[in-house]
Amino acid sequence: MIDRNESCTAGQMPMSYFTCLAYILKEWTGVEHIEDYLSYAVYLLWVFFPLIIVFLLPGVILLFIYISIIFVHIYKRKNELKEAYSNDFWDGAKQMLATLWDGHARIWHGYELHGIENIPEGPGLIVFYHGATPVDYIYFMAKLLILQKRTCHVVADHFVFKLPGFKLLLDVLGVMHGPKEECVNTLKKGQLLAISPGGVREALFSDETYVIMWGNRKGFAQVAIDAKVPVIPMFTQNVREGIRTLGGIKIFRSLYEHLRLPVVPMYGGFPVKLRTFIGEPIPYEPNVTAEELTAKAKAAVQSLIDKHQKIPGNVFRALMERFQTRQKED
């Protein structure tokens, strides 16, 4: 034990930070043998530190999103006069955001985009499998803007528009609520539009088996038929290994199904290899029904999963693919 007359300051008997902390807390609380409690707390921290990191890493994506939000607000404030006279006011902001997210994608995930030649020059409806977060779509959108100078609108769940501070960023990136008429009009203007028919349910409750969870949703197919555009399937390899959810716990599923509360905990943020694959377009057919087109689109996405994803997904294997790619390039 440390004598009460000893000090933690320089010039006295040298003491470790831990011993000094124990001495100060003992003087403050009067608890005997407090160093034993501290030792146990440090041991628990050491044991659970990896688990803590695993649950904190997904927050990096949220941090990048709020950095993007701050940036677009600064950009808008600095260019208020230009906004009144320019039709491409947000082009500079979009390019900067694309560079930011593409840098994160390449550094953290070694991100690759394959099949971009399958995206038509005109309008098209991109249908994709939804991971635990839409980070792979953000990477795709950034790469598309950098490589082809094109933007892609996307339909998001209503709760996204209620998140604090998100409105301006969503407007800049072309994120939509998704009424059928608005989607059709966007496509008729010659734009690209992306939809994940599985939506939040697929994001939260699909797992490493990559089960497509579209249910009976076929509204996206009717949009493509009404706009007379092709449907383009898209899938990102290892997207479930980057970030996973605890959607297998029944209480979280019940909360979502009854109250529509997307409160499923996420963990991961692992720097796994991500590759986005864009399949061949399903051309517009005037006589096809929404049910038939839905079946074709689902089969096309499933085909990409079967071809490019090992089932069940494995985090360690997905991490090792980063090094396998480097070896091939060397």
C-alpha atoms as a PDB file:
ATOM      1  CA  MET A   1       0.000   0.000   0.000  1.00  0.00           C
ATOM      2  CA  ILE A   2       1.028   3.583  -0.560  1.00  0.00           C
ATOM      3  CA  ASP A   3       1.665   5.801   2.441  1.00  0.00           C
ATOM      4  CA  ARG A   4      -0.741   8.715   2.579  1.00  0.00           C
ATOM      5  CA  ASN A   5       2.131  11.180   2.822  1.00  0.00           C
ATOM      6  CA  GLU A   6       3.574  10.085  -0.533  1.00  0.00           C
ATOM      7  CA  SER A   7       2.694  12.092  -3.597  1.00  0.00           C
ATOM      8  CA  CYS A   8       2.083  11.297  -7.281  1.00  0.00           C
ATOM      9  CA  THR A   9       4.008  14.392  -8.346  1.00  0.00           C
ATOM     10  CA  ALA A  10       7.541  14.468  -9.655  1.00  0.00           C
ATOM     11  CA  GLY A  11      10.299  14.714  -7.064  1.00  0.00           C
ATOM     12  CA  GLN A  12       8.800  12.085  -4.778  1.00  0.00           C
ATOM     13  CA  MET A  13       8.975   8.280  -5.031  1.00  0.00           C
ATOM     14  CA  PRO A  14       8.210   7.393  -8.684  1.00  0.00           C
ATOM     15  CA  MET A  15       4.770   5.774  -9.044  1.00  0.00           C
ATOM     16  CA  SER A  16       2.975   4.173 -11.994  1.00  0.00           C
ATOM     17  CA  TYR A  17      -0.161   5.834 -13.319  1.00  0.00           C
ATOM     18  CA  PHE A  18      -2.251   2.914 -12.072  1.00  0.00           C
ATOM     19  CA  THR A  19      -0.808   3.142  -8.531  1.00  0.00           C
ATOM     20  CA  CYS A  20      -1.271   6.897  -8.554  1.00  0.00           C
ATOM     21  CA  LEU A  21      -4.888   6.556  -9.665  1.00  0.00           C
ATOM     22  CA  ALA A  22      -5.547   3.958  -6.965  1.00  0.00           C
ATOM     23  CA  TYR A  23      -4.024   6.260  -4.322  1.00  0.00           C
ATOM     24  CA  ILE A  24      -6.121   9.253  -5.434  1.00  0.00           C
ATOM     25  CA  LEU A  25      -9.360   7.250  -5.540  1.00  0.00           C
ATOM     26  CA  LYS A  26      -8.661   5.765  -2.108  1.00  0.00           C
ATOM     27  CA  GLU A  27      -8.132   9.243  -0.648  1.00  0.00           C
ATOM     28  CA  TRP A  28     -11.279  10.482  -2.342  1.00  0.00           C
ATOM     29  CA  THR A  29     -13.635   7.550  -1.604  1.00  0.00           C
ATOM     30  CA  GLY A  30     -12.103   6.048   1.522  1.00  0.00           C
ATOM     31  CA  VAL A  31     -12.529   2.536   0.076  1.00  0.00           C
ATOM     32  CA  GLU A  32      -9.899   0.078   1.251  1.00  0.00           C
ATOM     33  CA  HIS A  33      -8.053  -2.125  -1.269  1.00  0.00           C
ATOM     34  CA  ILE A  34      -9.459  -0.080  -4.153  1.00  0.00           C
ATOM     35  CA  GLU A  35      -6.502  -1.169  -6.307  1.00  0.00           C
ATOM     36  CA  ASP A  36      -7.990  -4.676  -6.362  1.00  0.00           C
ATOM     37  CA  TYR A  37     -11.235  -3.347  -7.813  1.00  0.00           C
ATOM     38  CA  LEU A  38      -9.278  -1.310 -10.356  1.00  0.00           C
ATOM     39  CA  SER A  39      -7.245  -4.346 -11.370  1.00  0.00           C
ATOM     40  CA  TYR A  40     -10.453  -6.282 -11.966  1.00  0.00           C
ATOM     41  CA  ALA A  41     -11.921  -3.398 -14.003  1.00  0.00           C
ATOM     42  CA  VAL A  42      -8.773  -3.206 -16.141  1.00  0.00           C
ATOM     43  CA  TYR A  43      -8.934  -6.969 -16.688  1.00  0.00           C
ATOM     44  CA  LEU A  44     -12.569  -6.748 -17.828  1.00  0.00           C
ATOM     45  CA  LEU A  45     -11.698  -3.884 -20.154  1.00  0.00           C
ATOM     46  CA  TRP A  46      -8.888  -5.954 -21.661  1.00  0.00           C
ATOM     47  CA  VAL A  47     -11.188  -8.945 -22.143  1.00  0.00           C
ATOM     48  CA  PHE A  48     -14.087  -7.019 -23.676  1.00  0.00           C
ATOM     49  CA  PHE A  49     -12.043  -4.441 -25.626  1.00  0.00           C
ATOM     50  CA  PRO A  50     -12.329  -6.338 -28.955  1.00  0.00           C
ATOM     51  CA  LEU A  51     -16.099  -6.630 -28.476  1.00  0.00           C
ATOM     52  CA  ILE A  52     -16.373  -2.915 -27.732  1.00  0.00           C
ATOM     53  CA  ILE A  53     -14.413  -2.073 -30.883  1.00  0.00           C
ATOM     54  CA  VAL A  54     -16.607  -4.383 -32.989  1.00  0.00           C
ATOM     55  CA  PHE A  55     -19.745  -2.495 -31.936  1.00  0.00           C
ATOM     56  CA  LEU A  56     -18.130   0.944 -32.256  1.00  0.00           C
ATOM     57  CA  LEU A  57     -16.615   0.542 -35.745  1.00  0.00           C
ATOM     58  CA  PRO A  58     -19.956   0.815 -37.599  1.00  0.00           C
ATOM     59  CA  GLY A  59     -20.153   4.303 -36.128  1.00  0.00           C
ATOM     60  CA  VAL A  60     -17.353   5.322 -38.499  1.00  0.00           C
ATOM     61  CA  ILE A  61     -19.856   5.177 -41.366  1.00  0.00           C
ATOM     62  CA  LEU A  62     -22.233   7.434 -39.437  1.00  0.00           C
ATOM     63  CA  LEU A  63     -19.318   9.780 -38.739  1.00  0.00           C
ATOM     64  CA  PHE A  64     -18.542  10.004 -42.472  1.00  0.00           C
ATOM     65  CA  ILE A  65     -22.195  10.728 -43.197  1.00  0.00           C
ATOM     66  CA  TYR A  66     -22.248  13.630 -40.742  1.00  0.00           C
ATOM     67  CA  ILE A  67     -18.946  14.911 -42.138  1.00  0.00           C
ATOM     68  CA  SER A  68     -20.693  14.916 -45.520  1.00  0.00           C
ATOM     69  CA  ILE A  69     -23.646  16.788 -44.019  1.00  0.00           C
ATOM     70  CA  ILE A  70     -21.379  19.447 -42.522  1.00  0.00           C
ATOM     71  CA  PHE A  71     -19.577  19.797 -45.839  1.00  0.00           C
ATOM     72  CA  VAL A  72     -22.745  20.399 -47.903  1.00  0.00           C
ATOM     73  CA  HIS A  73     -23.940  23.008 -45.397  1.00  0.00           C
ATOM     74  CA  ILE A  74     -20.596  24.828 -45.621  1.00  0.00           C
ATOM     75  CA  TYR A  75     -20.662  24.536 -49.413  1.00  0.00           C
ATOM     76  CA  LYS A  76     -24.173  25.989 -49.562  1.00  0.00           C
ATOM     77  CA  ARG A  77     -23.249  28.882 -47.264  1.00  0.00           C
ATOM     78  CA  LYS A  78     -20.118  29.730 -49.247  1.00  0.00           C
ATOM     79  CA  ASN A  79     -21.914  29.651 -52.606  1.00  0.00           C
ATOM     80  CA  GLU A  80     -25.280  31.245 -51.870  1.00  0.00           C
ATOM     81  CA  LEU A  81     -24.909  33.860 -54.639  1.00  0.00           C
ATOM     82  CA  LYS A  82     -23.899  31.255 -57.210  1.00  0.00           C
ATOM     83  CA  GLU A  83     -26.978  29.194 -56.346  1.00  0.00           C
ATOM     84  CA  ALA A  84     -29.271  31.844 -57.766  1.00  0.00           C
ATOM     85  CA  TYR A  85     -27.580  31.870 -61.191  1.00  0.00           C
ATOM     86  CA  SER A  86     -26.311  28.324 -61.718  1.00  0.00           C
ATOM     87  CA  ASN A  87     -28.090  25.168 -62.848  1.00  0.00           C
ATOM     88  CA  ASP A  88     -25.260  22.929 -61.639  1.00  0.00           C
ATOM     89  CA  PHE A  89     -24.787  24.498 -58.233  1.00  0.00           C
ATOM     90  CA  TRP A  90     -24.188  21.210 -56.407  1.00  0.00           C
ATOM     91  CA  ASP A  91     -21.761  19.691 -58.940  1.00  0.00           C
ATOM     92  CA  GLY A  92     -18.712  20.763 -56.963  1.00  0.00           C
ATOM     93  CA  ALA A  93     -20.127  19.379 -53.724  1.00  0.00           C
ATOM     94  CA  LYS A  94     -21.042  16.072 -55.367  1.00  0.00           C
ATOM     95  CA  GLN A  95     -17.534  15.689 -56.769  1.00  0.00           C
ATOM     96  CA  MET A  96     -15.955  16.369 -53.388  1.00  0.00           C
ATOM     97  CA  LEU A  97     -18.271  13.932 -51.622  1.00  0.00           C
ATOM     98  CA  ALA A  98     -17.603  11.306 -54.295  1.00  0.00           C
ATOM     99  CA  THR A  99     -13.865  11.723 -53.779  1.00  0.00           C
ATOM    100  CA  LEU A 100     -14.258  11.413 -49.992  1.00  0.00           C
ATOM    101  CA  TRP A 101     -16.345   8.236 -50.135  1.00  0.00           C
ATOM    102  CA  ASP A 102     -14.323   6.673 -52.941  1.00  0.00           C
ATOM    103  CA  GLY A 103     -11.171   7.207 -50.879  1.00  0.00           C
ATOM    104  CA  HIS A 104     -12.776   5.505 -47.886  1.00  0.00           C
ATOM    105  CA  ALA A 105     -13.962   2.651 -50.111  1.00  0.00           C
ATOM    106  CA  ARG A 106     -10.519   2.015 -51.607  1.00  0.00           C
ATOM    107  CA  ILE A 107      -8.583   2.319 -48.354  1.00  0.00           C
ATOM    108  CA  TRP A 108     -10.905   0.430 -46.012  1.00  0.00           C
ATOM    109  CA  HIS A 109     -12.419  -2.137 -48.370  1.00  0.00           C
ATOM    110  CA  GLY A 110     -10.246  -2.233 -51.486  1.00  0.00           C
ATOM    111  CA  TYR A 111     -13.515  -1.499 -53.279  1.00  0.00           C
ATOM    112  CA  GLU A 112     -13.991  -2.583 -56.888  1.00  0.00           C
ATOM    113  CA  LEU A 113     -16.826  -1.969 -59.352  1.00  0.00           C
ATOM    114  CA  HIS A 114     -17.397  -4.542 -62.101  1.00  0.00           C
ATOM    115  CA  GLY A 115     -19.850  -4.468 -65.000  1.00  0.00           C
ATOM    116  CA  ILE A 116     -20.298  -0.722 -65.231  1.00  0.00           C
ATOM    117  CA  GLU A 117     -20.550  -1.186 -69.002  1.00  0.00           C
ATOM    118  CA  ASN A 118     -23.938  -2.861 -68.371  1.00  0.00           C
ATOM    119  CA  ILE A 119     -25.428   0.463 -67.304  1.00  0.00           C
ATOM    120  CA  PRO A 120     -27.168   1.988 -70.356  1.00  0.00           C
ATOM    121  CA  GLU A 121     -26.414   5.525 -71.465  1.00  0.00           C
ATOM    122  CA  GLY A 122     -30.050   6.432 -71.001  1.00  0.00           C
ATOM    123  CA  PRO A 123     -32.427   5.797 -68.094  1.00  0.00           C
ATOM    124  CA  GLY A 124     -32.515   2.547 -66.179  1.00  0.00           C
ATOM    125  CA  LEU A 125     -33.789   1.077 -62.921  1.00  0.00           C
ATOM    126  CA  ILE A 126     -31.037  -0.490 -60.790  1.00  0.00           C
ATOM    127  CA  VAL A 127     -32.286  -3.178 -58.407  1.00  0.00           C
ATOM    128  CA  PHE A 128     -29.895  -4.277 -55.667  1.00  0.00           C
ATOM    129  CA  TYR A 129     -29.548  -6.495 -52.610  1.00  0.00           C
ATOM    130  CA  HIS A 130     -29.543  -4.427 -49.397  1.00  0.00           C
ATOM    131  CA  GLY A 131     -26.742  -5.009 -46.891  1.00  0.00           C
ATOM    132  CA  ALA A 132     -26.971  -4.077 -43.216  1.00  0.00           C
ATOM    133  CA  THR A 133     -26.154  -0.497 -44.250  1.00  0.00           C
ATOM    134  CA  PRO A 134     -26.303   1.132 -47.700  1.00  0.00           C
ATOM    135  CA  VAL A 135     -22.570   1.882 -47.622  1.00  0.00           C
ATOM    136  CA  ASP A 136     -21.923  -0.281 -50.689  1.00  0.00           C
ATOM    137  CA  TYR A 137     -24.485   1.756 -52.640  1.00  0.00           C
ATOM    138  CA  ILE A 138     -22.770   4.968 -51.538  1.00  0.00           C
ATOM    139  CA  TYR A 139     -19.473   3.559 -52.824  1.00  0.00           C
ATOM    140  CA  PHE A 140     -21.143   2.640 -56.119  1.00  0.00           C
ATOM    141  CA  MET A 141     -22.687   6.087 -56.462  1.00  0.00           C
ATOM    142  CA  ALA A 142     -19.321   7.753 -55.816  1.00  0.00           C
ATOM    143  CA  LYS A 143     -17.519   5.551 -58.349  1.00  0.00           C
ATOM    144  CA  LEU A 144     -20.232   6.109 -60.965  1.00  0.00           C
ATOM    145  CA  LEU A 145     -19.931   9.878 -60.602  1.00  0.00           C
ATOM    146  CA  ILE A 146     -16.126   9.761 -60.836  1.00  0.00           C
ATOM    147  CA  LEU A 147     -15.973   7.392 -63.815  1.00  0.00           C
ATOM    148  CA  GLN A 148     -18.990   8.467 -65.860  1.00  0.00           C
ATOM    149  CA  LYS A 149     -19.963  11.866 -64.428  1.00  0.00           C
ATOM    150  CA  ARG A 150     -23.445  10.461 -63.813  1.00  0.00           C
ATOM    151  CA  THR A 151     -25.660  10.598 -60.768  1.00  0.00           C
ATOM    152  CA  CYS A 152     -28.086   7.900 -59.680  1.00  0.00           C
ATOM    153  CA  HIS A 153     -31.195   8.713 -57.693  1.00  0.00           C
ATOM    154  CA  VAL A 154     -32.240   6.212 -55.041  1.00  0.00           C
ATOM    155  CA  VAL A 155     -35.418   5.400 -53.121  1.00  0.00           C
ATOM    156  CA  ALA A 156     -35.029   5.284 -49.324  1.00  0.00           C
ATOM    157  CA  ASP A 157     -37.293   4.352 -46.436  1.00  0.00           C
ATOM    158  CA  HIS A 158     -39.341   7.143 -44.852  1.00  0.00           C
ATOM    159  CA  PHE A 159     -37.506   6.941 -41.518  1.00  0.00           C
ATOM    160  CA  VAL A 160     -34.276   8.111 -43.218  1.00  0.00           C
ATOM    161  CA  PHE A 161     -35.871  11.488 -43.899  1.00  0.00           C
ATOM    162  CA  LYS A 162     -36.639  11.894 -40.196  1.00  0.00           C
ATOM    163  CA  LEU A 163     -33.000  11.571 -39.112  1.00  0.00           C
ATOM    164  CA  PRO A 164     -31.671  14.879 -37.726  1.00  0.00           C
ATOM    165  CA  GLY A 165     -29.577  16.895 -40.148  1.00  0.00           C
ATOM    166  CA  PHE A 166     -30.017  14.541 -43.122  1.00  0.00           C
ATOM    167  CA  LYS A 167     -32.448  16.540 -45.284  1.00  0.00           C
ATOM    168  CA  LEU A 168     -29.988  18.705 -47.225  1.00  0.00           C
ATOM    169  CA  LEU A 169     -27.601  15.815 -47.881  1.00  0.00           C
ATOM    170  CA  LEU A 170     -30.463  13.622 -49.109  1.00  0.00           C
ATOM    171  CA  ASP A 171     -31.600  16.381 -51.478  1.00  0.00           C
ATOM    172  CA  VAL A 172     -28.089  16.845 -52.856  1.00  0.00           C
ATOM    173  CA  LEU A 173     -27.631  13.107 -53.448  1.00  0.00           C
ATOM    174  CA  GLY A 174     -31.025  12.654 -55.085  1.00  0.00           C
ATOM    175  CA  VAL A 175     -32.525  10.424 -52.395  1.00  0.00           C
ATOM    176  CA  MET A 176     -36.297  10.112 -52.799  1.00  0.00           C
ATOM    177  CA  HIS A 177     -39.293   9.024 -50.713  1.00  0.00           C
ATOM    178  CA  GLY A 178     -40.334   6.867 -53.604  1.00  0.00           C
ATOM    179  CA  PRO A 179     -43.929   7.620 -54.695  1.00  0.00           C
ATOM    180  CA  LYS A 180     -44.545   5.739 -57.922  1.00  0.00           C
ATOM    181  CA  GLU A 181     -45.237   8.874 -59.967  1.00  0.00           C
ATOM    182  CA  GLU A 182     -42.022  10.567 -58.834  1.00  0.00           C
ATOM    183  CA  CYS A 183     -39.977   7.472 -59.694  1.00  0.00           C
ATOM    184  CA  VAL A 184     -41.525   7.218 -63.158  1.00  0.00           C
ATOM    185  CA  ASN A 185     -40.941  10.922 -63.835  1.00  0.00           C
ATOM    186  CA  THR A 186     -37.292  10.617 -62.778  1.00  0.00           C
ATOM    187  CA  LEU A 187     -36.758   7.773 -65.235  1.00  0.00           C
ATOM    188  CA  LYS A 188     -38.630   9.547 -68.032  1.00  0.00           C
ATOM    189  CA  LYS A 189     -36.222  12.468 -67.633  1.00  0.00           C
ATOM    190  CA  GLY A 190     -33.402  10.122 -68.621  1.00  0.00           C
ATOM    191  CA  GLN A 191     -32.026   9.582 -65.113  1.00  0.00           C
ATOM    192  CA  LEU A 192     -30.834   6.441 -63.379  1.00  0.00           C
ATOM    193  CA  LEU A 193     -32.832   5.275 -60.379  1.00  0.00           C
ATOM    194  CA  ALA A 194     -31.875   2.634 -57.797  1.00  0.00           C
ATOM    195  CA  ILE A 195     -34.270   0.643 -55.593  1.00  0.00           C
ATOM    196  CA  SER A 196     -33.716  -2.156 -53.108  1.00  0.00           C
ATOM    197  CA  PRO A 197     -37.063  -3.985 -52.994  1.00  0.00           C
ATOM    198  CA  GLY A 198     -36.012  -5.713 -49.753  1.00  0.00           C
ATOM    199  CA  GLY A 199     -35.550  -2.354 -48.065  1.00  0.00           C
ATOM    200  CA  VAL A 200     -35.093  -2.097 -44.311  1.00  0.00           C
ATOM    201  CA  ARG A 201     -36.407  -5.607 -43.647  1.00  0.00           C
ATOM    202  CA  GLU A 202     -33.727  -7.146 -45.851  1.00  0.00           C
ATOM    203  CA  ALA A 203     -31.083  -4.864 -44.367  1.00  0.00           C
ATOM    204  CA  LEU A 204     -31.847  -5.817 -40.781  1.00  0.00           C
ATOM    205  CA  PHE A 205     -32.963  -9.428 -40.985  1.00  0.00           C
ATOM    206  CA  SER A 206     -31.140 -11.058 -43.866  1.00  0.00           C
ATOM    207  CA  ASP A 207     -27.878 -12.682 -42.811  1.00  0.00           C
ATOM    208  CA  GLU A 208     -24.691 -14.376 -44.010  1.00  0.00           C
ATOM    209  CA  THR A 209     -26.803 -16.720 -46.158  1.00  0.00           C
ATOM    210  CA  TYR A 210     -27.784 -13.698 -48.301  1.00  0.00           C
ATOM    211  CA  VAL A 211     -31.477 -14.514 -48.437  1.00  0.00           C
ATOM    212  CA  ILE A 212     -33.405 -12.098 -50.658  1.00  0.00           C
ATOM    213  CA  MET A 213     -36.364 -10.737 -48.662  1.00  0.00           C
ATOM    214  CA  TRP A 214     -38.599  -8.963 -51.152  1.00  0.00           C
ATOM    215  CA  GLY A 215     -41.878 -10.476 -49.987  1.00  0.00           C
ATOM    216  CA  ASN A 216     -44.650  -9.574 -52.431  1.00  0.00           C
ATOM    217  CA  ARG A 217     -43.169  -6.244 -53.436  1.00  0.00           C
ATOM    218  CA  LYS A 218     -43.490  -5.596 -57.140  1.00  0.00           C
ATOM    219  CA  GLY A 219     -44.059  -1.838 -57.288  1.00  0.00           C
ATOM    220  CA  PHE A 220     -40.527  -1.292 -58.618  1.00  0.00           C
ATOM    221  CA  ALA A 221     -41.360  -3.545 -61.585  1.00  0.00           C
ATOM    222  CA  GLN A 222     -44.463  -1.507 -62.387  1.00  0.00           C
ATOM    223  CA  VAL A 223     -42.334   1.644 -62.274  1.00  0.00           C
ATOM    224  CA  ALA A 224     -39.933   0.155 -64.849  1.00  0.00           C
ATOM    225  CA  ILE A 225     -42.856  -0.903 -67.058  1.00  0.00           C
ATOM    226  CA  ASP A 226     -44.569   2.487 -66.896  1.00  0.00           C
ATOM    227  CA  ALA A 227     -41.292   4.305 -67.631  1.00  0.00           C
ATOM    228  CA  LYS A 228     -40.354   1.768 -70.345  1.00  0.00           C
ATOM    229  CA  VAL A 229     -36.820   1.299 -69.044  1.00  0.00           C
ATOM    230  CA  PRO A 230     -34.568  -1.741 -68.483  1.00  0.00           C
ATOM    231  CA  VAL A 231     -33.977  -3.236 -65.041  1.00  0.00           C
ATOM    232  CA  ILE A 232     -30.321  -3.626 -64.040  1.00  0.00           C
ATOM    233  CA  PRO A 233     -29.468  -6.101 -61.232  1.00  0.00           C
ATOM    234  CA  MET A 234     -26.654  -5.273 -58.790  1.00  0.00           C
ATOM    235  CA  PHE A 235     -25.004  -7.078 -55.888  1.00  0.00           C
ATOM    236  CA  THR A 236     -22.003  -6.355 -53.643  1.00  0.00           C
ATOM    237  CA  GLN A 237     -19.839  -9.286 -52.630  1.00  0.00           C
ATOM    238  CA  ASN A 238     -19.154  -9.637 -48.858  1.00  0.00           C
ATOM    239  CA  VAL A 239     -21.503  -6.777 -47.965  1.00  0.00           C
ATOM    240  CA  ARG A 240     -22.859  -8.879 -45.062  1.00  0.00           C
ATOM    241  CA  GLU A 241     -19.367  -9.539 -43.745  1.00  0.00           C
ATOM    242  CA  GLY A 242     -18.492  -5.849 -43.477  1.00  0.00           C
ATOM    243  CA  ILE A 243     -21.311  -5.053 -41.063  1.00  0.00           C
ATOM    244  CA  ARG A 244     -23.682  -7.563 -39.497  1.00  0.00           C
ATOM    245  CA  THR A 245     -26.836  -7.234 -37.427  1.00  0.00           C
ATOM    246  CA  LEU A 246     -28.411  -9.042 -34.487  1.00  0.00           C
ATOM    247  CA  GLY A 247     -31.612  -9.450 -36.478  1.00  0.00           C
ATOM    248  CA  GLY A 248     -31.876 -13.088 -35.461  1.00  0.00           C
ATOM    249  CA  ILE A 249     -33.047 -12.031 -31.989  1.00  0.00           C
ATOM    250  CA  LYS A 250     -36.854 -12.288 -32.008  1.00  0.00           C
ATOM    251  CA  ILE A 251     -37.597  -9.168 -29.953  1.00  0.00           C
ATOM    252  CA  PHE A 252     -35.955  -6.918 -32.551  1.00  0.00           C
ATOM    253  CA  ARG A 253     -37.952  -8.548 -35.351  1.00  0.00           C
ATOM    254  CA  SER A 254     -41.157  -8.084 -33.355  1.00  0.00           C
ATOM    255  CA  LEU A 255     -40.410  -4.408 -32.732  1.00  0.00           C
ATOM    256  CA  TYR A 256     -39.932  -3.828 -36.436  1.00  0.00           C
ATOM    257  CA  GLU A 257     -42.924  -5.824 -37.651  1.00  0.00           C
ATOM    258  CA  HIS A 258     -45.352  -4.263 -35.156  1.00  0.00           C
ATOM    259  CA  LEU A 259     -43.962  -0.747 -34.635  1.00  0.00           C
ATOM    260  CA  ARG A 260     -41.686  -0.328 -37.664  1.00  0.00           C
ATOM    261  CA  LEU A 261     -38.790   0.534 -35.351  1.00  0.00           C
ATOM    262  CA  PRO A 262     -35.438  -0.265 -37.033  1.00  0.00           C
ATOM    263  CA  VAL A 263     -33.569  -0.647 -33.738  1.00  0.00           C
ATOM    264  CA  VAL A 264     -31.530  -3.777 -34.466  1.00  0.00           C
ATOM    265  CA  PRO A 265     -27.948  -3.477 -33.095  1.00  0.00           C
ATOM    266  CA  MET A 266     -25.136  -3.672 -35.642  1.00  0.00           C
ATOM    267  CA  TYR A 267     -21.561  -4.780 -35.262  1.00  0.00           C
ATOM    268  CA  GLY A 268     -18.512  -5.132 -37.448  1.00  0.00           C
ATOM    269  CA  GLY A 269     -17.085  -2.419 -39.646  1.00  0.00           C
ATOM    270  CA  PHE A 270     -14.480  -4.972 -40.738  1.00  0.00           C
ATOM    271  CA  PRO A 271     -12.191  -3.976 -43.658  1.00  0.00           C
ATOM    272  CA  VAL A 272     -13.370  -6.859 -45.833  1.00  0.00           C
ATOM    273  CA  LYS A 273     -13.027  -6.937 -49.606  1.00  0.00           C
ATOM    274  CA  LEU A 274     -16.052  -5.404 -51.326  1.00  0.00           C
ATOM    275  CA  ARG A 275     -16.778  -5.865 -55.006  1.00  0.00           C
ATOM    276  CA  THR A 276     -19.951  -4.563 -56.633  1.00  0.00           C
ATOM    277  CA  PHE A 277     -21.160  -6.535 -59.653  1.00  0.00           C
ATOM    278  CA  ILE A 278     -23.631  -5.107 -62.155  1.00  0.00           C
ATOM    279  CA  GLY A 279     -25.464  -7.710 -64.208  1.00  0.00           C
ATOM    280  CA  GLU A 280     -26.802  -7.550 -67.741  1.00  0.00           C
ATOM    281  CA  PRO A 281     -29.911  -5.379 -68.114  1.00  0.00           C
ATOM    282  CA  ILE A 282     -33.352  -6.946 -68.369  1.00  0.00           C
ATOM    283  CA  PRO A 283     -34.777  -5.117 -71.406  1.00  0.00           C
ATOM    284  CA  TYR A 284     -38.177  -3.483 -71.425  1.00  0.00           C
ATOM    285  CA  GLU A 285     -40.938  -5.660 -72.867  1.00  0.00           C
ATOM    286  CA  PRO A 286     -44.306  -4.009 -73.549  1.00  0.00           C
ATOM    287  CA  ASN A 287     -46.328  -7.138 -72.797  1.00  0.00           C
ATOM    288  CA  VAL A 288     -44.609  -8.198 -69.558  1.00  0.00           C
ATOM    289  CA  THR A 289     -46.538  -8.007 -66.282  1.00  0.00           C
ATOM    290  CA  ALA A 290     -45.224  -6.618 -62.988  1.00  0.00           C
ATOM    291  CA  GLU A 291     -45.252 -10.133 -61.501  1.00  0.00           C
ATOM    292  CA  GLU A 292     -43.201 -11.533 -64.372  1.00  0.00           C
ATOM    293  CA  LEU A 293     -40.671  -8.691 -64.298  1.00  0.00           C
ATOM    294  CA  THR A 294     -40.338  -9.016 -60.524  1.00  0.00           C
ATOM    295  CA  ALA A 295     -39.541 -12.710 -60.912  1.00  0.00           C
ATOM    296  CA  LYS A 296     -36.960 -11.949 -63.609  1.00  0.00           C
ATOM    297  CA  ALA A 297     -35.299  -9.228 -61.503  1.00  0.00           C
ATOM    298  CA  LYS A 298     -35.186 -11.428 -58.416  1.00  0.00           C
ATOM    299  CA  ALA A 299     -33.685 -14.290 -60.418  1.00  0.00           C
ATOM    300  CA  ALA A 300     -31.059 -11.924 -61.862  1.00  0.00           C
ATOM    301  CA  VAL A 301     -29.995 -10.661 -58.422  1.00  0.00           C
ATOM    302  CA  GLN A 302     -29.969 -14.227 -57.087  1.00  0.00           C
ATOM    303  CA  SER A 303     -27.786 -15.249 -60.014  1.00  0.00           C
ATOM    304  CA  LEU A 304     -25.236 -12.578 -59.072  1.00  0.00           C
ATOM    305  CA  ILE A 305     -25.266 -13.826 -55.469  1.00  0.00           C
ATOM    306  CA  ASP A 306     -24.796 -17.441 -56.567  1.00  0.00           C
ATOM    307  CA  LYS A 307     -21.962 -16.523 -58.898  1.00  0.00           C
ATOM    308  CA  HIS A 308     -19.974 -14.109 -56.747  1.00  0.00           C
ATOM    309  CA  GLN A 309     -20.748 -14.920 -53.089  1.00  0.00           C
ATOM    310  CA  LYS A 310     -19.638 -17.958 -51.108  1.00  0.00           C
ATOM    311  CA  ILE A 311     -22.481 -19.113 -48.860  1.00  0.00           C
ATOM    312  CA  PRO A 312     -22.497 -18.832 -45.914  1.00  0.00           C
ATOM    313  CA  GLY A 313     -20.467 -15.650 -45.757  1.00  0.00           C
ATOM    314  CA  ASN A 314     -17.354 -15.690 -43.594  1.00  0.00           C
ATOM    315  CA  VAL A 315     -15.682 -12.601 -42.143  1.00  0.00           C
ATOM    316  CA  PHE A 316     -12.195 -14.113 -41.996  1.00  0.00           C
ATOM    317  CA  ARG A 317     -12.388 -15.322 -45.594  1.00  0.00           C
ATOM    318  CA  ALA A 318     -13.624 -11.906 -46.734  1.00  0.00           C
ATOM    319  CA  LEU A 319     -10.698 -10.263 -44.929  1.00  0.00           C
ATOM    320  CA  MET A 320      -8.203 -12.623 -46.564  1.00  0.00           C
ATOM    321  CA  GLU A 321      -9.530 -11.702 -50.014  1.00  0.00           C
ATOM    322  CA  ARG A 322      -7.910  -8.306 -49.573  1.00  0.00           C
ATOM    323  CA  PHE A 323      -4.471  -9.967 -49.577  1.00  0.00           C
ATOM    324  CA  GLN A 324      -5.340 -12.437 -52.327  1.00  0.00           C
ATOM    325  CA  THR A 325      -6.176  -9.545 -54.616  1.00  0.00           C
ATOM    326  CA  ARG A 326      -2.840  -7.873 -53.906  1.00  0.00           C
ATOM    327  CA  GLN A 327      -0.958 -11.063 -54.716  1.00  0.00           C
ATOM    328  CA  LYS A 328      -2.695 -11.353 -58.072  1.00  0.00           C
ATOM    329  CA  GLU A 329      -1.937  -7.754 -58.918  1.00  0.00           C
ATOM    330  CA  ASP A 330       1.738  -8.274 -58.030  1.00  0.00           C
END
